[in-house]
Amino acid sequence: MLRTMIAEGPFEQKWILQGRLCGAWAADVKERWERTRGTRTGCRCIVDLEDVTSVDEVGESALAEMALEGARLVASRAYLKSIVQALRPKHRR
């Protein structure tokens, strides 16, 4: 299960993800990200991954797209930090 919350401010959009960023849940997040692309124009975006417990390839793809579009992925636990760091070279090419 994955819970997604979006907090919007005048200059920032913050996505808070909690649970498993896997399979259909990850695909839903990616679709929602694409659908709300226009709402982020001129805003910085932060994706809080502190409460994400696991990520599969679909989840990595969603995170890579977010990072490629300028979102700052926030993770402090080693598991998620390693995933975020592994994505960086992929989207900087």
N, C-alpha and C. Protein backbone atom coordinates (compact mmCIF):
# COMPACT_ATOMS: atom_id res chain seq x y z
N MET A 1 0.84 -1.18 0.00
CA MET A 1 0.00 0.00 0.00
C MET A 1 0.89 1.24 0.00
N LEU A 2 0.41 2.29 -0.66
CA LEU A 2 1.15 3.55 -0.72
C LEU A 2 0.18 4.69 -0.48
N ARG A 3 0.58 5.59 0.38
CA ARG A 3 -0.20 6.79 0.64
C ARG A 3 0.55 7.97 0.03
N THR A 4 -0.16 8.79 -0.70
CA THR A 4 0.44 9.97 -1.34
C THR A 4 -0.31 11.21 -0.90
N MET A 5 0.43 12.17 -0.36
CA MET A 5 -0.15 13.45 0.02
C MET A 5 0.59 14.55 -0.72
N ILE A 6 -0.13 15.54 -1.17
CA ILE A 6 0.49 16.66 -1.86
C ILE A 6 0.11 17.94 -1.12
N ALA A 7 1.12 18.64 -0.64
CA ALA A 7 0.91 19.92 0.04
C ALA A 7 1.36 21.02 -0.92
N GLU A 8 0.48 21.97 -1.17
CA GLU A 8 0.79 23.04 -2.11
C GLU A 8 0.89 24.36 -1.39
N GLY A 9 1.96 25.07 -1.68
CA GLY A 9 2.15 26.42 -1.18
C GLY A 9 2.32 27.33 -2.38
N PRO A 10 2.50 28.62 -2.13
CA PRO A 10 2.61 29.55 -3.26
C PRO A 10 3.88 29.34 -4.09
N PHE A 11 4.94 28.82 -3.49
CA PHE A 11 6.21 28.66 -4.21
C PHE A 11 6.75 27.24 -4.17
N GLU A 12 6.00 26.32 -3.58
CA GLU A 12 6.51 24.97 -3.39
C GLU A 12 5.38 23.95 -3.41
N GLN A 13 5.68 22.83 -4.01
CA GLN A 13 4.77 21.68 -3.96
C GLN A 13 5.54 20.54 -3.30
N LYS A 14 4.95 19.95 -2.26
CA LYS A 14 5.63 18.88 -1.54
C LYS A 14 4.81 17.60 -1.63
N TRP A 15 5.45 16.57 -2.15
CA TRP A 15 4.83 15.24 -2.23
C TRP A 15 5.36 14.43 -1.06
N ILE A 16 4.47 13.83 -0.30
CA ILE A 16 4.86 12.98 0.82
C ILE A 16 4.37 11.58 0.50
N LEU A 17 5.31 10.66 0.35
CA LEU A 17 4.99 9.28 0.03
C LEU A 17 5.23 8.41 1.25
N GLN A 18 4.29 7.51 1.52
CA GLN A 18 4.40 6.62 2.68
C GLN A 18 3.99 5.21 2.27
N GLY A 19 4.88 4.26 2.49
CA GLY A 19 4.56 2.87 2.18
C GLY A 19 5.44 2.30 1.08
N ARG A 20 4.86 1.42 0.28
CA ARG A 20 5.61 0.71 -0.76
C ARG A 20 5.44 1.38 -2.12
N LEU A 21 6.51 1.88 -2.68
CA LEU A 21 6.50 2.50 -4.00
C LEU A 21 6.79 1.40 -5.02
N CYS A 22 5.80 0.54 -5.22
CA CYS A 22 5.97 -0.67 -6.03
C CYS A 22 4.75 -0.91 -6.91
N GLY A 23 4.98 -1.58 -8.04
CA GLY A 23 3.90 -2.05 -8.90
C GLY A 23 2.87 -1.01 -9.26
N ALA A 24 1.62 -1.38 -9.08
CA ALA A 24 0.50 -0.51 -9.46
C ALA A 24 0.51 0.80 -8.66
N TRP A 25 0.96 0.75 -7.42
CA TRP A 25 1.01 1.97 -6.62
C TRP A 25 2.03 2.95 -7.19
N ALA A 26 3.18 2.44 -7.61
CA ALA A 26 4.19 3.29 -8.23
C ALA A 26 3.69 3.83 -9.56
N ALA A 27 3.00 3.00 -10.33
CA ALA A 27 2.44 3.45 -11.61
C ALA A 27 1.42 4.56 -11.38
N ASP A 28 0.62 4.44 -10.32
CA ASP A 28 -0.36 5.48 -9.99
C ASP A 28 0.34 6.80 -9.64
N VAL A 29 1.43 6.72 -8.88
CA VAL A 29 2.18 7.93 -8.53
C VAL A 29 2.74 8.57 -9.79
N LYS A 30 3.30 7.75 -10.68
CA LYS A 30 3.87 8.28 -11.92
C LYS A 30 2.78 8.96 -12.77
N GLU A 31 1.62 8.33 -12.85
CA GLU A 31 0.52 8.91 -13.62
C GLU A 31 0.05 10.22 -12.99
N ARG A 32 -0.05 10.23 -11.68
CA ARG A 32 -0.47 11.44 -10.97
C ARG A 32 0.56 12.56 -11.16
N TRP A 33 1.83 12.20 -11.14
CA TRP A 33 2.91 13.16 -11.37
C TRP A 33 2.75 13.80 -12.74
N GLU A 34 2.50 12.97 -13.75
CA GLU A 34 2.34 13.47 -15.11
C GLU A 34 1.09 14.34 -15.25
N ARG A 35 0.00 13.94 -14.61
CA ARG A 35 -1.27 14.69 -14.67
C ARG A 35 -1.15 16.06 -14.01
N THR A 36 -0.33 16.17 -12.97
CA THR A 36 -0.23 17.43 -12.22
C THR A 36 0.98 18.27 -12.63
N ARG A 37 1.61 17.89 -13.72
CA ARG A 37 2.81 18.60 -14.18
C ARG A 37 2.58 20.11 -14.28
N GLY A 38 1.46 20.54 -14.81
CA GLY A 38 1.18 21.96 -14.99
C GLY A 38 1.07 22.74 -13.69
N THR A 39 0.75 22.08 -12.60
CA THR A 39 0.60 22.78 -11.32
C THR A 39 1.94 23.12 -10.69
N ARG A 40 3.03 22.55 -11.22
CA ARG A 40 4.36 22.80 -10.65
C ARG A 40 5.11 23.91 -11.37
N THR A 41 4.54 24.49 -12.41
CA THR A 41 5.22 25.53 -13.17
C THR A 41 5.57 26.70 -12.25
N GLY A 42 6.84 27.03 -12.20
CA GLY A 42 7.30 28.14 -11.39
C GLY A 42 7.49 27.81 -9.91
N CYS A 43 7.22 26.58 -9.53
CA CYS A 43 7.37 26.17 -8.13
C CYS A 43 8.51 25.16 -8.02
N ARG A 44 9.12 25.13 -6.86
CA ARG A 44 10.05 24.03 -6.62
C ARG A 44 9.26 22.88 -6.06
N CYS A 45 9.76 21.69 -6.27
CA CYS A 45 9.05 20.50 -5.83
C CYS A 45 9.96 19.63 -4.98
N ILE A 46 9.42 19.18 -3.88
CA ILE A 46 10.14 18.30 -2.96
C ILE A 46 9.35 17.01 -2.85
N VAL A 47 10.04 15.88 -2.95
CA VAL A 47 9.41 14.58 -2.78
C VAL A 47 10.00 13.95 -1.52
N ASP A 48 9.20 13.84 -0.48
CA ASP A 48 9.61 13.31 0.81
C ASP A 48 9.45 11.79 0.80
N LEU A 49 10.56 11.09 0.90
CA LEU A 49 10.58 9.63 0.85
C LEU A 49 10.86 9.00 2.21
N GLU A 50 10.79 9.78 3.27
CA GLU A 50 11.17 9.31 4.60
C GLU A 50 10.40 8.07 5.05
N ASP A 51 9.14 7.96 4.65
CA ASP A 51 8.31 6.84 5.11
C ASP A 51 8.06 5.79 4.03
N VAL A 52 8.88 5.81 2.98
CA VAL A 52 8.78 4.77 1.95
C VAL A 52 9.56 3.56 2.43
N THR A 53 8.93 2.39 2.36
CA THR A 53 9.56 1.18 2.90
C THR A 53 10.23 0.32 1.84
N SER A 54 9.77 0.40 0.58
CA SER A 54 10.41 -0.36 -0.49
C SER A 54 10.10 0.28 -1.83
N VAL A 55 11.00 0.03 -2.79
CA VAL A 55 10.89 0.60 -4.13
C VAL A 55 11.26 -0.48 -5.14
N ASP A 56 10.44 -0.66 -6.17
CA ASP A 56 10.79 -1.60 -7.23
C ASP A 56 11.19 -0.81 -8.49
N GLU A 57 11.32 -1.50 -9.62
CA GLU A 57 11.75 -0.83 -10.86
C GLU A 57 10.76 0.23 -11.32
N VAL A 58 9.47 -0.04 -11.15
CA VAL A 58 8.45 0.94 -11.54
C VAL A 58 8.58 2.18 -10.65
N GLY A 59 8.82 1.96 -9.37
CA GLY A 59 9.03 3.07 -8.44
C GLY A 59 10.28 3.86 -8.77
N GLU A 60 11.35 3.16 -9.13
CA GLU A 60 12.58 3.85 -9.51
C GLU A 60 12.36 4.70 -10.75
N SER A 61 11.58 4.17 -11.69
CA SER A 61 11.26 4.92 -12.90
C SER A 61 10.49 6.20 -12.57
N ALA A 62 9.53 6.09 -11.66
CA ALA A 62 8.76 7.27 -11.23
C ALA A 62 9.68 8.30 -10.57
N LEU A 63 10.56 7.83 -9.69
CA LEU A 63 11.49 8.74 -9.01
C LEU A 63 12.46 9.39 -10.00
N ALA A 64 12.91 8.62 -10.97
CA ALA A 64 13.83 9.15 -11.98
C ALA A 64 13.15 10.26 -12.78
N GLU A 65 11.89 10.05 -13.13
CA GLU A 65 11.15 11.09 -13.87
C GLU A 65 11.00 12.35 -13.02
N MET A 66 10.68 12.17 -11.75
CA MET A 66 10.54 13.31 -10.85
C MET A 66 11.85 14.09 -10.77
N ALA A 67 12.94 13.36 -10.56
CA ALA A 67 14.25 14.01 -10.44
C ALA A 67 14.64 14.71 -11.74
N LEU A 68 14.36 14.07 -12.86
CA LEU A 68 14.69 14.64 -14.16
C LEU A 68 13.97 15.97 -14.37
N GLU A 69 12.77 16.07 -13.83
CA GLU A 69 11.98 17.30 -13.97
C GLU A 69 12.30 18.32 -12.87
N GLY A 70 13.32 18.05 -12.08
CA GLY A 70 13.80 19.05 -11.11
C GLY A 70 13.33 18.87 -9.68
N ALA A 71 12.60 17.81 -9.39
CA ALA A 71 12.17 17.58 -8.01
C ALA A 71 13.36 17.20 -7.14
N ARG A 72 13.35 17.68 -5.91
CA ARG A 72 14.38 17.30 -4.94
C ARG A 72 13.85 16.10 -4.16
N LEU A 73 14.52 14.97 -4.28
CA LEU A 73 14.12 13.76 -3.58
C LEU A 73 14.80 13.74 -2.21
N VAL A 74 14.01 13.65 -1.15
CA VAL A 74 14.53 13.74 0.22
C VAL A 74 14.43 12.37 0.88
N ALA A 75 15.58 11.85 1.28
CA ALA A 75 15.65 10.56 1.97
C ALA A 75 16.83 10.59 2.93
N SER A 76 16.63 10.08 4.14
CA SER A 76 17.74 10.06 5.09
C SER A 76 18.17 8.64 5.46
N ARG A 77 17.27 7.67 5.25
CA ARG A 77 17.64 6.29 5.57
C ARG A 77 18.54 5.73 4.48
N ALA A 78 19.47 4.88 4.85
CA ALA A 78 20.47 4.35 3.92
C ALA A 78 19.85 3.69 2.69
N TYR A 79 18.80 2.89 2.89
CA TYR A 79 18.17 2.18 1.77
C TYR A 79 17.70 3.16 0.70
N LEU A 80 16.96 4.18 1.10
CA LEU A 80 16.43 5.12 0.13
C LEU A 80 17.50 6.07 -0.39
N LYS A 81 18.44 6.44 0.46
CA LYS A 81 19.54 7.30 -0.02
C LYS A 81 20.30 6.61 -1.13
N SER A 82 20.51 5.31 -1.01
CA SER A 82 21.24 4.59 -2.05
C SER A 82 20.45 4.55 -3.35
N ILE A 83 19.14 4.42 -3.26
CA ILE A 83 18.30 4.44 -4.46
C ILE A 83 18.34 5.81 -5.11
N VAL A 84 18.19 6.86 -4.32
CA VAL A 84 18.22 8.22 -4.86
C VAL A 84 19.58 8.51 -5.50
N GLN A 85 20.66 8.11 -4.85
CA GLN A 85 21.99 8.34 -5.40
C GLN A 85 22.21 7.55 -6.68
N ALA A 86 21.67 6.35 -6.75
CA ALA A 86 21.80 5.53 -7.96
C ALA A 86 21.04 6.15 -9.14
N LEU A 87 19.99 6.88 -8.87
CA LEU A 87 19.20 7.52 -9.93
C LEU A 87 19.90 8.74 -10.50
N ARG A 88 20.68 9.41 -9.72
CA ARG A 88 21.30 10.67 -10.16
C ARG A 88 22.09 10.54 -11.46
N PRO A 89 22.98 9.57 -11.59
CA PRO A 89 23.72 9.48 -12.86
C PRO A 89 22.81 9.21 -14.05
N LYS A 90 21.73 8.48 -13.85
CA LYS A 90 20.82 8.14 -14.95
C LYS A 90 20.15 9.39 -15.52
N HIS A 91 19.76 10.33 -14.67
CA HIS A 91 19.03 11.47 -15.20
C HIS A 91 19.92 12.68 -15.47
N ARG A 92 21.20 12.59 -15.25
CA ARG A 92 22.10 13.71 -15.57
C ARG A 92 22.76 13.56 -16.93
N ARG A 93 22.50 12.49 -17.63
CA ARG A 93 23.11 12.27 -18.94
C ARG A 93 22.56 13.19 -19.98
